């Protein structure tokens, strides 16, 4: 095989799942696929297995043998990649001609702003992080994982909901239809929440985030107070709207659109759509790194 026969595998993965796209070097999409959680810093073996299975699935869908790995390229952006000591081990397992293991922060910035635009990106999925680009300088905040950070992400929302439900049960906080729904889910008592909280991962907590967003639409008081706390945290992290580079603010992730709708008017006024999806950003970065 020659380079003209090569393809590039693009993967964007996080705590809740991963998406892949197999392309020709010119960008023609040959196959796509999804897989389970792929944060290599929280569970390396499970993430590696999910990613390998995903790669095999998209290659099979494209009718391309996995022996082609040796002639192909891969640009893989994963949550936790920056903190993992097993980066090279993952690269070696795949055996691509060349493989770059980037963070989800890198690919999110490229997807939101392209390669030139200054601005601020707020990524709000299972976890959260924020990236500023101004005059060629990039500054990152957050992305440290559910235990120590990831404020306002889906897992954070889920944990806040369980905490507020316990307060309602104990009579030291307001109760609502939402807190009753959570109690019913756990058998009517917070006692069953304790082993859940002890044994669960971020993605498990994040499953409660849609309960909150739906309850806000229904006027639930507890859901609204959780979102109010989150919005205040976002405003504190972003800083004054007039300081956002080039007045270009982009909310991304599964919760991005929801949070944008909840922000004060001065922030909503400077919001812009992303230039592409995460896998588009991965392709643009792959073009730059591999010289397509």
C-alpha atoms as a PDB file:
ATOM      1  CA  UNK A   1       0.000   0.000   0.000  1.00  0.00           C
ATOM      2  CA  UNK A   2       1.024   3.596  -0.615  1.00  0.00           C
ATOM      3  CA  UNK A   3       0.017   6.738   1.231  1.00  0.00           C
ATOM      4  CA  UNK A   4      -2.634   7.374  -1.421  1.00  0.00           C
ATOM      5  CA  UNK A   5      -4.333   4.173  -0.225  1.00  0.00           C
ATOM      6  CA  UNK A   6      -4.260   5.293   3.410  1.00  0.00           C
ATOM      7  CA  UNK A   7      -7.193   6.342   5.564  1.00  0.00           C
ATOM      8  CA  UNK A   8      -7.469   8.261   8.790  1.00  0.00           C
ATOM      9  CA  UNK A   9      -9.432   7.095  11.814  1.00  0.00           C
ATOM     10  CA  UNK A  10     -10.892   9.909  13.908  1.00  0.00           C
ATOM     11  CA  UNK A  11     -12.178   9.286  17.433  1.00  0.00           C
ATOM     12  CA  UNK A  12     -13.665  11.661  19.981  1.00  0.00           C
ATOM     13  CA  UNK A  13     -14.260  10.046  23.346  1.00  0.00           C
ATOM     14  CA  UNK A  14     -15.285  10.924  26.875  1.00  0.00           C
ATOM     15  CA  UNK A  15     -16.843   9.637  30.040  1.00  0.00           C
ATOM     16  CA  UNK A  16     -20.183   8.726  28.470  1.00  0.00           C
ATOM     17  CA  UNK A  17     -19.073   7.311  25.134  1.00  0.00           C
ATOM     18  CA  UNK A  18     -17.015   7.635  21.975  1.00  0.00           C
ATOM     19  CA  UNK A  19     -17.704   8.414  18.317  1.00  0.00           C
ATOM     20  CA  UNK A  20     -15.572   7.485  15.354  1.00  0.00           C
ATOM     21  CA  UNK A  21     -15.285   8.367  11.700  1.00  0.00           C
ATOM     22  CA  UNK A  22     -13.112   6.612   9.116  1.00  0.00           C
ATOM     23  CA  UNK A  23     -12.151   8.896   6.242  1.00  0.00           C
ATOM     24  CA  UNK A  24      -9.974   9.015   3.184  1.00  0.00           C
ATOM     25  CA  UNK A  25      -7.152  11.535   3.449  1.00  0.00           C
ATOM     26  CA  UNK A  26      -9.240  13.941   1.371  1.00  0.00           C
ATOM     27  CA  UNK A  27     -12.065  13.783   3.933  1.00  0.00           C
ATOM     28  CA  UNK A  28     -14.541  11.397   2.304  1.00  0.00           C
ATOM     29  CA  UNK A  29     -16.399   9.573   5.080  1.00  0.00           C
ATOM     30  CA  UNK A  30     -16.228   5.785   4.719  1.00  0.00           C
ATOM     31  CA  UNK A  31     -17.800   4.673   8.000  1.00  0.00           C
ATOM     32  CA  UNK A  32     -18.970   5.913  11.381  1.00  0.00           C
ATOM     33  CA  UNK A  33     -19.628   4.303  14.744  1.00  0.00           C
ATOM     34  CA  UNK A  34     -20.142   4.730  18.480  1.00  0.00           C
ATOM     35  CA  UNK A  35     -18.929   2.932  21.590  1.00  0.00           C
ATOM     36  CA  UNK A  36     -19.059   3.098  25.370  1.00  0.00           C
ATOM     37  CA  UNK A  37     -17.102   5.203  27.890  1.00  0.00           C
ATOM     38  CA  UNK A  38     -13.512   5.957  26.894  1.00  0.00           C
ATOM     39  CA  UNK A  39     -11.843   8.015  29.598  1.00  0.00           C
ATOM     40  CA  UNK A  40      -8.449   6.313  29.834  1.00  0.00           C
ATOM     41  CA  UNK A  41      -7.509   8.007  33.101  1.00  0.00           C
ATOM     42  CA  UNK A  42     -10.445   6.551  35.054  1.00  0.00           C
ATOM     43  CA  UNK A  43     -10.578   2.989  33.648  1.00  0.00           C
ATOM     44  CA  UNK A  44      -7.839   2.316  31.137  1.00  0.00           C
ATOM     45  CA  UNK A  45      -8.658  -1.302  30.295  1.00  0.00           C
ATOM     46  CA  UNK A  46     -12.368  -0.717  29.772  1.00  0.00           C
ATOM     47  CA  UNK A  47     -11.700   2.399  27.703  1.00  0.00           C
ATOM     48  CA  UNK A  48      -9.043   0.638  25.610  1.00  0.00           C
ATOM     49  CA  UNK A  49     -11.402  -2.280  24.944  1.00  0.00           C
ATOM     50  CA  UNK A  50     -14.206   0.077  23.887  1.00  0.00           C
ATOM     51  CA  UNK A  51     -11.897   2.024  21.590  1.00  0.00           C
ATOM     52  CA  UNK A  52     -10.417  -1.072  19.972  1.00  0.00           C
ATOM     53  CA  UNK A  53     -13.870  -2.519  19.422  1.00  0.00           C
ATOM     54  CA  UNK A  54     -14.982   0.766  17.891  1.00  0.00           C
ATOM     55  CA  UNK A  55     -12.021   0.845  15.510  1.00  0.00           C
ATOM     56  CA  UNK A  56     -12.679  -2.734  14.391  1.00  0.00           C
ATOM     57  CA  UNK A  57     -16.374  -1.983  13.879  1.00  0.00           C
ATOM     58  CA  UNK A  58     -15.862   1.038  11.622  1.00  0.00           C
ATOM     59  CA  UNK A  59     -13.189  -0.772   9.609  1.00  0.00           C
ATOM     60  CA  UNK A  60     -15.543  -3.710   9.113  1.00  0.00           C
ATOM     61  CA  UNK A  61     -18.327  -1.320   8.089  1.00  0.00           C
ATOM     62  CA  UNK A  62     -16.016   0.209   5.486  1.00  0.00           C
ATOM     63  CA  UNK A  63     -14.944  -3.225   4.222  1.00  0.00           C
ATOM     64  CA  UNK A  64     -11.381  -2.485   5.220  1.00  0.00           C
ATOM     65  CA  UNK A  65      -9.250  -5.121   6.951  1.00  0.00           C
ATOM     66  CA  UNK A  66      -7.711  -4.213  10.296  1.00  0.00           C
ATOM     67  CA  UNK A  67      -4.302  -5.118   8.905  1.00  0.00           C
ATOM     68  CA  UNK A  68      -4.651  -1.715   7.202  1.00  0.00           C
ATOM     69  CA  UNK A  69      -3.872  -0.100  10.564  1.00  0.00           C
ATOM     70  CA  UNK A  70      -0.187  -0.384   9.674  1.00  0.00           C
ATOM     71  CA  UNK A  71      -0.717   1.864   6.637  1.00  0.00           C
ATOM     72  CA  UNK A  72      -3.308   4.205   8.135  1.00  0.00           C
ATOM     73  CA  UNK A  73      -3.352   7.202  10.433  1.00  0.00           C
ATOM     74  CA  UNK A  74      -5.337   7.877  13.587  1.00  0.00           C
ATOM     75  CA  UNK A  75      -6.178  11.051  15.456  1.00  0.00           C
ATOM     76  CA  UNK A  76      -7.777  10.109  18.755  1.00  0.00           C
ATOM     77  CA  UNK A  77      -9.003  12.742  21.223  1.00  0.00           C
ATOM     78  CA  UNK A  78      -9.983  11.430  24.640  1.00  0.00           C
ATOM     79  CA  UNK A  79     -11.074  12.777  27.987  1.00  0.00           C
ATOM     80  CA  UNK A  80      -8.313  12.022  30.479  1.00  0.00           C
ATOM     81  CA  UNK A  81      -5.618  11.611  27.841  1.00  0.00           C
ATOM     82  CA  UNK A  82      -3.566  14.452  29.272  1.00  0.00           C
ATOM     83  CA  UNK A  83      -3.448  12.868  32.726  1.00  0.00           C
ATOM     84  CA  UNK A  84      -2.892   9.255  31.686  1.00  0.00           C
ATOM     85  CA  UNK A  85       0.469   7.559  32.165  1.00  0.00           C
ATOM     86  CA  UNK A  86      -0.586   4.883  29.647  1.00  0.00           C
ATOM     87  CA  UNK A  87      -0.794   7.055  26.553  1.00  0.00           C
ATOM     88  CA  UNK A  88       1.974   5.215  24.727  1.00  0.00           C
ATOM     89  CA  UNK A  89       0.554   1.836  25.697  1.00  0.00           C
ATOM     90  CA  UNK A  90      -2.710   2.697  23.978  1.00  0.00           C
ATOM     91  CA  UNK A  91      -0.913   3.920  20.863  1.00  0.00           C
ATOM     92  CA  UNK A  92       1.163   0.719  20.734  1.00  0.00           C
ATOM     93  CA  UNK A  93      -1.914  -1.491  21.037  1.00  0.00           C
ATOM     94  CA  UNK A  94      -3.431  -0.039  17.883  1.00  0.00           C
ATOM     95  CA  UNK A  95      -0.320  -0.184  15.726  1.00  0.00           C
ATOM     96  CA  UNK A  96      -1.188   2.581  13.265  1.00  0.00           C
ATOM     97  CA  UNK A  97       1.351   3.985  10.842  1.00  0.00           C
ATOM     98  CA  UNK A  98       1.086   7.181  12.877  1.00  0.00           C
ATOM     99  CA  UNK A  99      -1.292   7.898  15.731  1.00  0.00           C
ATOM    100  CA  UNK A 100      -1.741  11.067  17.739  1.00  0.00           C
ATOM    101  CA  UNK A 101      -3.450  10.842  21.112  1.00  0.00           C
ATOM    102  CA  UNK A 102      -4.831  14.273  21.975  1.00  0.00           C
ATOM    103  CA  UNK A 103      -7.229  15.484  24.618  1.00  0.00           C
ATOM    104  CA  UNK A 104     -10.895  16.219  24.096  1.00  0.00           C
ATOM    105  CA  UNK A 105      -9.976  19.825  24.889  1.00  0.00           C
ATOM    106  CA  UNK A 106      -7.750  20.047  21.800  1.00  0.00           C
ATOM    107  CA  UNK A 107     -10.381  18.760  19.414  1.00  0.00           C
ATOM    108  CA  UNK A 108     -13.176  20.775  20.995  1.00  0.00           C
ATOM    109  CA  UNK A 109     -11.263  24.020  20.500  1.00  0.00           C
ATOM    110  CA  UNK A 110     -10.646  23.176  16.846  1.00  0.00           C
ATOM    111  CA  UNK A 111     -14.286  22.231  16.276  1.00  0.00           C
ATOM    112  CA  UNK A 112     -15.626  25.364  17.907  1.00  0.00           C
ATOM    113  CA  UNK A 113     -13.243  28.025  16.638  1.00  0.00           C
ATOM    114  CA  UNK A 114     -11.373  26.460  13.748  1.00  0.00           C
ATOM    115  CA  UNK A 115      -7.654  27.200  13.672  1.00  0.00           C
ATOM    116  CA  UNK A 116      -7.676  31.022  13.735  1.00  0.00           C
ATOM    117  CA  UNK A 117     -10.712  32.500  15.537  1.00  0.00           C
ATOM    118  CA  UNK A 118     -10.176  33.965  19.013  1.00  0.00           C
ATOM    119  CA  UNK A 119     -12.841  33.240  21.568  1.00  0.00           C
ATOM    120  CA  UNK A 120     -13.920  31.157  24.544  1.00  0.00           C
ATOM    121  CA  UNK A 121     -15.308  27.632  24.427  1.00  0.00           C
ATOM    122  CA  UNK A 122     -17.400  26.183  27.261  1.00  0.00           C
ATOM    123  CA  UNK A 123     -17.631  22.408  26.909  1.00  0.00           C
ATOM    124  CA  UNK A 124     -20.396  20.948  29.058  1.00  0.00           C
ATOM    125  CA  UNK A 125     -20.970  17.227  28.718  1.00  0.00           C
ATOM    126  CA  UNK A 126     -20.547  14.537  31.354  1.00  0.00           C
ATOM    127  CA  UNK A 127     -17.699  16.713  32.621  1.00  0.00           C
ATOM    128  CA  UNK A 128     -16.705  20.270  31.815  1.00  0.00           C
ATOM    129  CA  UNK A 129     -13.806  22.438  30.728  1.00  0.00           C
ATOM    130  CA  UNK A 130     -13.242  25.915  29.344  1.00  0.00           C
ATOM    131  CA  UNK A 131     -10.723  27.088  26.752  1.00  0.00           C
ATOM    132  CA  UNK A 132      -9.715  30.638  25.868  1.00  0.00           C
ATOM    133  CA  UNK A 133      -7.815  31.500  22.681  1.00  0.00           C
ATOM    134  CA  UNK A 134      -6.506  35.040  22.274  1.00  0.00           C
ATOM    135  CA  UNK A 135      -3.772  36.232  19.915  1.00  0.00           C
ATOM    136  CA  UNK A 136      -2.347  32.747  19.576  1.00  0.00           C
ATOM    137  CA  UNK A 137      -2.325  32.032  23.309  1.00  0.00           C
ATOM    138  CA  UNK A 138      -4.479  29.235  24.692  1.00  0.00           C
ATOM    139  CA  UNK A 139      -5.578  29.003  28.318  1.00  0.00           C
ATOM    140  CA  UNK A 140      -7.486  26.078  29.749  1.00  0.00           C
ATOM    141  CA  UNK A 141      -9.563  25.794  32.899  1.00  0.00           C
ATOM    142  CA  UNK A 142     -11.138  22.644  34.305  1.00  0.00           C
ATOM    143  CA  UNK A 143     -11.221  19.170  32.850  1.00  0.00           C
ATOM    144  CA  UNK A 144      -9.779  17.685  36.025  1.00  0.00           C
ATOM    145  CA  UNK A 145     -12.360  14.931  36.444  1.00  0.00           C
ATOM    146  CA  UNK A 146     -15.520  14.383  38.403  1.00  0.00           C
ATOM    147  CA  UNK A 147     -13.994  13.916  41.859  1.00  0.00           C
ATOM    148  CA  UNK A 148     -12.021  17.169  41.908  1.00  0.00           C
ATOM    149  CA  UNK A 149     -13.890  19.334  39.418  1.00  0.00           C
ATOM    150  CA  UNK A 150     -16.036  19.181  36.257  1.00  0.00           C
ATOM    151  CA  UNK A 151     -18.395  21.754  37.721  1.00  0.00           C
ATOM    152  CA  UNK A 152     -21.716  22.147  35.883  1.00  0.00           C
ATOM    153  CA  UNK A 153     -21.194  18.979  33.847  1.00  0.00           C
ATOM    154  CA  UNK A 154     -23.798  16.245  33.739  1.00  0.00           C
ATOM    155  CA  UNK A 155     -22.190  14.223  36.510  1.00  0.00           C
ATOM    156  CA  UNK A 156     -21.975  17.316  38.715  1.00  0.00           C
ATOM    157  CA  UNK A 157     -25.668  18.022  38.083  1.00  0.00           C
ATOM    158  CA  UNK A 158     -26.600  14.460  38.967  1.00  0.00           C
ATOM    159  CA  UNK A 159     -24.630  14.595  42.202  1.00  0.00           C
ATOM    160  CA  UNK A 160     -26.218  17.941  43.116  1.00  0.00           C
ATOM    161  CA  UNK A 161     -29.647  16.443  42.524  1.00  0.00           C
ATOM    162  CA  UNK A 162     -28.960  13.522  44.850  1.00  0.00           C
ATOM    163  CA  UNK A 163     -27.612  15.889  47.489  1.00  0.00           C
ATOM    164  CA  UNK A 164     -30.662  18.142  47.280  1.00  0.00           C
ATOM    165  CA  UNK A 165     -32.940  15.107  47.419  1.00  0.00           C
ATOM    166  CA  UNK A 166     -31.317  14.022  50.676  1.00  0.00           C
ATOM    167  CA  UNK A 167     -31.749  17.543  52.073  1.00  0.00           C
ATOM    168  CA  UNK A 168     -35.425  17.442  51.124  1.00  0.00           C
ATOM    169  CA  UNK A 169     -35.809  14.038  52.788  1.00  0.00           C
ATOM    170  CA  UNK A 170     -34.118  15.323  55.952  1.00  0.00           C
ATOM    171  CA  UNK A 171     -36.353  18.399  56.006  1.00  0.00           C
ATOM    172  CA  UNK A 172     -33.523  20.924  55.591  1.00  0.00           C
ATOM    173  CA  UNK A 173     -34.220  21.819  51.971  1.00  0.00           C
ATOM    174  CA  UNK A 174     -37.214  22.220  49.658  1.00  0.00           C
ATOM    175  CA  UNK A 175     -38.933  19.176  48.237  1.00  0.00           C
ATOM    176  CA  UNK A 176     -40.491  18.946  44.794  1.00  0.00           C
ATOM    177  CA  UNK A 177     -41.815  16.517  42.224  1.00  0.00           C
ATOM    178  CA  UNK A 178     -38.234  15.978  41.145  1.00  0.00           C
ATOM    179  CA  UNK A 179     -36.907  15.056  44.583  1.00  0.00           C
ATOM    180  CA  UNK A 180     -39.843  12.673  45.022  1.00  0.00           C
ATOM    181  CA  UNK A 181     -39.037  11.117  41.640  1.00  0.00           C
ATOM    182  CA  UNK A 182     -35.459  10.533  42.769  1.00  0.00           C
ATOM    183  CA  UNK A 183     -36.582   9.036  46.074  1.00  0.00           C
ATOM    184  CA  UNK A 184     -38.967   6.704  44.265  1.00  0.00           C
ATOM    185  CA  UNK A 185     -36.147   5.655  41.957  1.00  0.00           C
ATOM    186  CA  UNK A 186     -34.062   4.623  44.966  1.00  0.00           C
ATOM    187  CA  UNK A 187     -36.856   2.795  46.758  1.00  0.00           C
ATOM    188  CA  UNK A 188     -38.177   5.684  48.839  1.00  0.00           C
ATOM    189  CA  UNK A 189     -35.098   6.267  50.978  1.00  0.00           C
ATOM    190  CA  UNK A 190     -31.657   7.889  50.614  1.00  0.00           C
ATOM    191  CA  UNK A 191     -30.114   4.770  52.137  1.00  0.00           C
ATOM    192  CA  UNK A 192     -29.902   3.209  48.696  1.00  0.00           C
ATOM    193  CA  UNK A 193     -28.188   6.320  47.323  1.00  0.00           C
ATOM    194  CA  UNK A 194     -25.118   5.703  49.475  1.00  0.00           C
ATOM    195  CA  UNK A 195     -23.913   2.495  47.755  1.00  0.00           C
ATOM    196  CA  UNK A 196     -24.856   4.022  44.393  1.00  0.00           C
ATOM    197  CA  UNK A 197     -22.684   7.070  45.092  1.00  0.00           C
ATOM    198  CA  UNK A 198     -19.838   4.898  46.372  1.00  0.00           C
ATOM    199  CA  UNK A 199     -19.750   2.547  43.403  1.00  0.00           C
ATOM    200  CA  UNK A 200     -20.809   4.742  40.472  1.00  0.00           C
ATOM    201  CA  UNK A 201     -18.741   6.542  37.875  1.00  0.00           C
ATOM    202  CA  UNK A 202     -19.318   9.970  36.384  1.00  0.00           C
ATOM    203  CA  UNK A 203     -21.445   8.577  33.558  1.00  0.00           C
ATOM    204  CA  UNK A 204     -23.815   7.016  36.104  1.00  0.00           C
ATOM    205  CA  UNK A 205     -24.402  10.342  37.842  1.00  0.00           C
ATOM    206  CA  UNK A 206     -24.773  12.083  34.491  1.00  0.00           C
ATOM    207  CA  UNK A 207     -27.838   9.965  33.683  1.00  0.00           C
ATOM    208  CA  UNK A 208     -29.784  12.178  36.084  1.00  0.00           C
ATOM    209  CA  UNK A 209     -28.924  15.399  34.235  1.00  0.00           C
ATOM    210  CA  UNK A 210     -31.861  15.066  31.779  1.00  0.00           C
ATOM    211  CA  UNK A 211     -34.189  14.763  34.754  1.00  0.00           C
ATOM    212  CA  UNK A 212     -33.069  18.227  35.821  1.00  0.00           C
ATOM    213  CA  UNK A 213     -33.353  19.892  32.424  1.00  0.00           C
ATOM    214  CA  UNK A 214     -36.815  18.412  31.899  1.00  0.00           C
ATOM    215  CA  UNK A 215     -37.920  19.463  35.386  1.00  0.00           C
ATOM    216  CA  UNK A 216     -36.727  23.037  34.798  1.00  0.00           C
ATOM    217  CA  UNK A 217     -39.047  23.223  31.806  1.00  0.00           C
ATOM    218  CA  UNK A 218     -41.876  22.089  34.101  1.00  0.00           C
ATOM    219  CA  UNK A 219     -41.077  24.787  36.688  1.00  0.00           C
ATOM    220  CA  UNK A 220     -39.656  22.478  39.366  1.00  0.00           C
ATOM    221  CA  UNK A 221     -38.204  24.572  42.195  1.00  0.00           C
ATOM    222  CA  UNK A 222     -35.363  22.207  43.122  1.00  0.00           C
ATOM    223  CA  UNK A 223     -34.311  21.724  39.522  1.00  0.00           C
ATOM    224  CA  UNK A 224     -34.236  25.499  39.057  1.00  0.00           C
ATOM    225  CA  UNK A 225     -32.150  26.095  42.161  1.00  0.00           C
ATOM    226  CA  UNK A 226     -29.588  23.548  40.973  1.00  0.00           C
ATOM    227  CA  UNK A 227     -29.415  25.220  37.562  1.00  0.00           C
ATOM    228  CA  UNK A 228     -29.145  28.637  39.212  1.00  0.00           C
ATOM    229  CA  UNK A 229     -26.092  27.434  41.118  1.00  0.00           C
ATOM    230  CA  UNK A 230     -24.627  26.069  37.915  1.00  0.00           C
ATOM    231  CA  UNK A 231     -25.221  29.305  36.000  1.00  0.00           C
ATOM    232  CA  UNK A 232     -23.573  31.323  38.759  1.00  0.00           C
ATOM    233  CA  UNK A 233     -20.589  28.960  38.611  1.00  0.00           C
ATOM    234  CA  UNK A 234     -20.418  29.409  34.838  1.00  0.00           C
ATOM    235  CA  UNK A 235     -20.505  33.190  35.112  1.00  0.00           C
ATOM    236  CA  UNK A 236     -17.745  33.114  37.731  1.00  0.00           C
ATOM    237  CA  UNK A 237     -15.591  30.851  35.552  1.00  0.00           C
ATOM    238  CA  UNK A 238     -16.152  32.716  32.288  1.00  0.00           C
ATOM    239  CA  UNK A 239     -15.801  36.143  33.887  1.00  0.00           C
ATOM    240  CA  UNK A 240     -17.510  39.324  32.674  1.00  0.00           C
ATOM    241  CA  UNK A 241     -19.036  38.972  29.222  1.00  0.00           C
ATOM    242  CA  UNK A 242     -17.217  42.055  27.942  1.00  0.00           C
ATOM    243  CA  UNK A 243     -13.859  40.338  28.622  1.00  0.00           C
ATOM    244  CA  UNK A 244     -14.548  37.329  26.369  1.00  0.00           C
ATOM    245  CA  UNK A 245     -12.012  37.415  23.486  1.00  0.00           C
ATOM    246  CA  UNK A 246     -13.480  38.884  20.297  1.00  0.00           C
ATOM    247  CA  UNK A 247     -16.910  38.663  21.961  1.00  0.00           C
ATOM    248  CA  UNK A 248     -17.067  35.073  20.708  1.00  0.00           C
ATOM    249  CA  UNK A 249     -18.518  32.580  23.200  1.00  0.00           C
ATOM    250  CA  UNK A 250     -19.350  29.040  22.162  1.00  0.00           C
ATOM    251  CA  UNK A 251     -21.238  26.504  24.296  1.00  0.00           C
ATOM    252  CA  UNK A 252     -20.681  22.881  23.314  1.00  0.00           C
ATOM    253  CA  UNK A 253     -21.492  19.405  24.604  1.00  0.00           C
ATOM    254  CA  UNK A 254     -24.702  17.666  25.460  1.00  0.00           C
ATOM    255  CA  UNK A 255     -25.617  20.402  27.940  1.00  0.00           C
ATOM    256  CA  UNK A 256     -24.256  23.320  25.929  1.00  0.00           C
ATOM    257  CA  UNK A 257     -27.490  24.391  24.269  1.00  0.00           C
ATOM    258  CA  UNK A 258     -29.396  24.115  27.550  1.00  0.00           C
ATOM    259  CA  UNK A 259     -26.915  26.232  29.487  1.00  0.00           C
ATOM    260  CA  UNK A 260     -26.767  28.836  26.737  1.00  0.00           C
ATOM    261  CA  UNK A 261     -30.525  29.304  27.115  1.00  0.00           C
ATOM    262  CA  UNK A 262     -30.132  29.777  30.881  1.00  0.00           C
ATOM    263  CA  UNK A 263     -27.309  32.329  30.826  1.00  0.00           C
ATOM    264  CA  UNK A 264     -27.855  36.057  31.480  1.00  0.00           C
ATOM    265  CA  UNK A 265     -28.653  38.157  28.416  1.00  0.00           C
ATOM    266  CA  UNK A 266     -25.185  39.713  28.111  1.00  0.00           C
ATOM    267  CA  UNK A 267     -23.665  36.243  27.633  1.00  0.00           C
ATOM    268  CA  UNK A 268     -26.349  35.029  25.249  1.00  0.00           C
ATOM    269  CA  UNK A 269     -25.703  38.118  23.101  1.00  0.00           C
ATOM    270  CA  UNK A 270     -22.117  37.022  22.343  1.00  0.00           C
ATOM    271  CA  UNK A 271     -22.829  33.319  21.715  1.00  0.00           C
ATOM    272  CA  UNK A 272     -21.880  31.803  18.365  1.00  0.00           C
ATOM    273  CA  UNK A 273     -22.356  28.386  16.804  1.00  0.00           C
ATOM    274  CA  UNK A 274     -19.406  26.009  16.484  1.00  0.00           C
ATOM    275  CA  UNK A 275     -17.654  25.883  13.126  1.00  0.00           C
ATOM    276  CA  UNK A 276     -18.051  22.099  13.115  1.00  0.00           C
ATOM    277  CA  UNK A 277     -18.518  18.974  15.200  1.00  0.00           C
ATOM    278  CA  UNK A 278     -15.812  17.397  17.334  1.00  0.00           C
ATOM    279  CA  UNK A 279     -14.882  14.906  14.611  1.00  0.00           C
ATOM    280  CA  UNK A 280     -14.597  17.768  12.125  1.00  0.00           C
ATOM    281  CA  UNK A 281     -12.134  19.399  14.501  1.00  0.00           C
ATOM    282  CA  UNK A 282     -10.245  16.112  14.752  1.00  0.00           C
ATOM    283  CA  UNK A 283      -9.957  15.955  10.967  1.00  0.00           C
ATOM    284  CA  UNK A 284      -8.686  19.539  10.714  1.00  0.00           C
ATOM    285  CA  UNK A 285      -6.059  18.796  13.367  1.00  0.00           C
ATOM    286  CA  UNK A 286      -5.112  15.546  11.633  1.00  0.00           C
ATOM    287  CA  UNK A 287      -4.628  17.431   8.376  1.00  0.00           C
ATOM    288  CA  UNK A 288      -2.282  19.836  10.141  1.00  0.00           C
ATOM    289  CA  UNK A 289      -0.337  17.176  12.063  1.00  0.00           C
ATOM    290  CA  UNK A 290      -0.024  14.563   9.323  1.00  0.00           C
ATOM    291  CA  UNK A 291       0.301  16.977   6.386  1.00  0.00           C
ATOM    292  CA  UNK A 292      -2.583  15.655   4.266  1.00  0.00           C
END
